[in-house]
Amino acid sequence: MNSKTHLTTSLAALFVAARVFAAGDATALSQQGWQLLQSGKPAEAVAKFKEAVKLAPKDATAKKMLEAAKAKQLSEGLRQTIEP
């Protein structure tokens, strides 16, 4: 294998490893977001889900959870403005 082929192969392997790492990070961020959402901290959950979606933009679950966290954040904000 010549050095150019070796470099191309190494770069491809590095790219694949980076994508796997990012996907793992996205999963961890989604899990953290879920825990925050369950703990009644929707604003913090939104931030985690946004990070997850940024790392894994095709992750439908992270996108759905982001929307759920935003809805929860909105509903809590409305409740606070209505309740004395």
C-alpha atoms as a PDB file:
ATOM      1  CA  MET A   1       0.000   0.000   0.000  1.00  0.00           C
ATOM      2  CA  ASN A   2       1.498   3.338  -0.955  1.00  0.00           C
ATOM      3  CA  SER A   3       1.559   6.272   1.438  1.00  0.00           C
ATOM      4  CA  LYS A   4      -1.305   8.104  -0.311  1.00  0.00           C
ATOM      5  CA  THR A   5      -3.587   5.066  -0.069  1.00  0.00           C
ATOM      6  CA  HIS A   6      -2.558   4.538   3.545  1.00  0.00           C
ATOM      7  CA  LEU A   7      -3.341   8.180   4.370  1.00  0.00           C
ATOM      8  CA  THR A   8      -6.743   7.967   2.675  1.00  0.00           C
ATOM      9  CA  THR A   9      -7.572   4.756   4.535  1.00  0.00           C
ATOM     10  CA  SER A  10      -6.435   6.272   7.840  1.00  0.00           C
ATOM     11  CA  LEU A  11      -8.521   9.404   7.289  1.00  0.00           C
ATOM     12  CA  ALA A  12     -11.580   7.324   6.432  1.00  0.00           C
ATOM     13  CA  ALA A  13     -11.143   5.268   9.602  1.00  0.00           C
ATOM     14  CA  LEU A  14     -10.730   8.445  11.651  1.00  0.00           C
ATOM     15  CA  PHE A  15     -13.900   9.893  10.129  1.00  0.00           C
ATOM     16  CA  VAL A  16     -15.877   6.746  10.978  1.00  0.00           C
ATOM     17  CA  ALA A  17     -14.506   6.765  14.528  1.00  0.00           C
ATOM     18  CA  ALA A  18     -15.457  10.427  14.937  1.00  0.00           C
ATOM     19  CA  ARG A  19     -19.019   9.715  13.773  1.00  0.00           C
ATOM     20  CA  VAL A  20     -19.343   6.805  16.204  1.00  0.00           C
ATOM     21  CA  PHE A  21     -17.975   8.973  19.021  1.00  0.00           C
ATOM     22  CA  ALA A  22     -20.396  11.803  18.168  1.00  0.00           C
ATOM     23  CA  ALA A  23     -23.313   9.375  18.070  1.00  0.00           C
ATOM     24  CA  GLY A  24     -22.306   8.067  21.489  1.00  0.00           C
ATOM     25  CA  ASP A  25     -22.087  11.603  22.814  1.00  0.00           C
ATOM     26  CA  ALA A  26     -25.494  12.383  21.332  1.00  0.00           C
ATOM     27  CA  THR A  27     -26.982   9.353  23.072  1.00  0.00           C
ATOM     28  CA  ALA A  28     -25.427  10.367  26.393  1.00  0.00           C
ATOM     29  CA  LEU A  29     -26.713  13.922  25.971  1.00  0.00           C
ATOM     30  CA  SER A  30     -30.207  12.626  25.174  1.00  0.00           C
ATOM     31  CA  GLN A  31     -30.130  10.474  28.295  1.00  0.00           C
ATOM     32  CA  GLN A  32     -29.065  13.481  30.367  1.00  0.00           C
ATOM     33  CA  GLY A  33     -31.825  15.532  28.782  1.00  0.00           C
ATOM     34  CA  TRP A  34     -34.387  12.872  29.622  1.00  0.00           C
ATOM     35  CA  GLN A  35     -33.243  12.779  33.247  1.00  0.00           C
ATOM     36  CA  LEU A  36     -33.485  16.574  33.446  1.00  0.00           C
ATOM     37  CA  LEU A  37     -36.940  16.538  31.901  1.00  0.00           C
ATOM     38  CA  GLN A  38     -38.087  13.908  34.410  1.00  0.00           C
ATOM     39  CA  SER A  39     -36.605  16.019  37.214  1.00  0.00           C
ATOM     40  CA  GLY A  40     -38.735  19.004  36.244  1.00  0.00           C
ATOM     41  CA  LYS A  41     -35.932  20.958  34.585  1.00  0.00           C
ATOM     42  CA  PRO A  42     -37.200  21.432  31.025  1.00  0.00           C
ATOM     43  CA  ALA A  43     -34.968  24.424  30.205  1.00  0.00           C
ATOM     44  CA  GLU A  44     -31.857  22.416  31.027  1.00  0.00           C
ATOM     45  CA  ALA A  45     -33.278  19.433  29.133  1.00  0.00           C
ATOM     46  CA  VAL A  46     -33.809  21.606  26.047  1.00  0.00           C
ATOM     47  CA  ALA A  47     -30.138  22.577  26.119  1.00  0.00           C
ATOM     48  CA  LYS A  48     -29.027  18.927  26.295  1.00  0.00           C
ATOM     49  CA  PHE A  49     -31.351  17.835  23.505  1.00  0.00           C
ATOM     50  CA  LYS A  50     -30.175  20.728  21.321  1.00  0.00           C
ATOM     51  CA  GLU A  51     -26.585  19.548  21.774  1.00  0.00           C
ATOM     52  CA  ALA A  52     -27.624  15.976  20.952  1.00  0.00           C
ATOM     53  CA  VAL A  53     -29.394  17.058  17.765  1.00  0.00           C
ATOM     54  CA  LYS A  54     -26.395  19.151  16.763  1.00  0.00           C
ATOM     55  CA  LEU A  55     -24.135  16.100  17.079  1.00  0.00           C
ATOM     56  CA  ALA A  56     -26.594  13.682  15.473  1.00  0.00           C
ATOM     57  CA  PRO A  57     -28.967  15.670  13.245  1.00  0.00           C
ATOM     58  CA  LYS A  58     -30.608  12.497  11.878  1.00  0.00           C
ATOM     59  CA  ASP A  59     -31.511  11.180  15.345  1.00  0.00           C
ATOM     60  CA  ALA A  60     -35.313  11.299  15.242  1.00  0.00           C
ATOM     61  CA  THR A  61     -35.631  10.409  18.926  1.00  0.00           C
ATOM     62  CA  ALA A  62     -33.447  13.321  20.026  1.00  0.00           C
ATOM     63  CA  LYS A  63     -35.489  15.657  17.819  1.00  0.00           C
ATOM     64  CA  LYS A  64     -38.770  14.405  19.279  1.00  0.00           C
ATOM     65  CA  MET A  65     -37.452  14.710  22.817  1.00  0.00           C
ATOM     66  CA  LEU A  66     -36.258  18.252  22.082  1.00  0.00           C
ATOM     67  CA  GLU A  67     -39.774  19.176  20.969  1.00  0.00           C
ATOM     68  CA  ALA A  68     -41.262  17.515  24.069  1.00  0.00           C
ATOM     69  CA  ALA A  69     -38.879  19.424  26.325  1.00  0.00           C
ATOM     70  CA  LYS A  70     -39.715  22.692  24.560  1.00  0.00           C
ATOM     71  CA  ALA A  71     -43.440  21.993  25.017  1.00  0.00           C
ATOM     72  CA  LYS A  72     -42.933  21.236  28.706  1.00  0.00           C
ATOM     73  CA  GLN A  73     -40.878  24.414  29.112  1.00  0.00           C
ATOM     74  CA  LEU A  74     -43.605  26.444  27.393  1.00  0.00           C
ATOM     75  CA  SER A  75     -46.396  24.929  29.463  1.00  0.00           C
ATOM     76  CA  GLU A  76     -44.523  25.581  32.711  1.00  0.00           C
ATOM     77  CA  GLY A  77     -43.841  29.160  31.652  1.00  0.00           C
ATOM     78  CA  LEU A  78     -47.517  29.702  30.870  1.00  0.00           C
ATOM     79  CA  ARG A  79     -48.559  28.128  34.154  1.00  0.00           C
ATOM     80  CA  GLN A  80     -46.254  30.477  36.066  1.00  0.00           C
ATOM     81  CA  THR A  81     -47.757  33.528  34.360  1.00  0.00           C
ATOM     82  CA  ILE A  82     -51.322  32.383  35.064  1.00  0.00           C
ATOM     83  CA  GLU A  83     -50.965  31.181  38.646  1.00  0.00           C
ATOM     84  CA  PRO A  84     -50.765  33.840  41.353  1.00  0.00           C
END
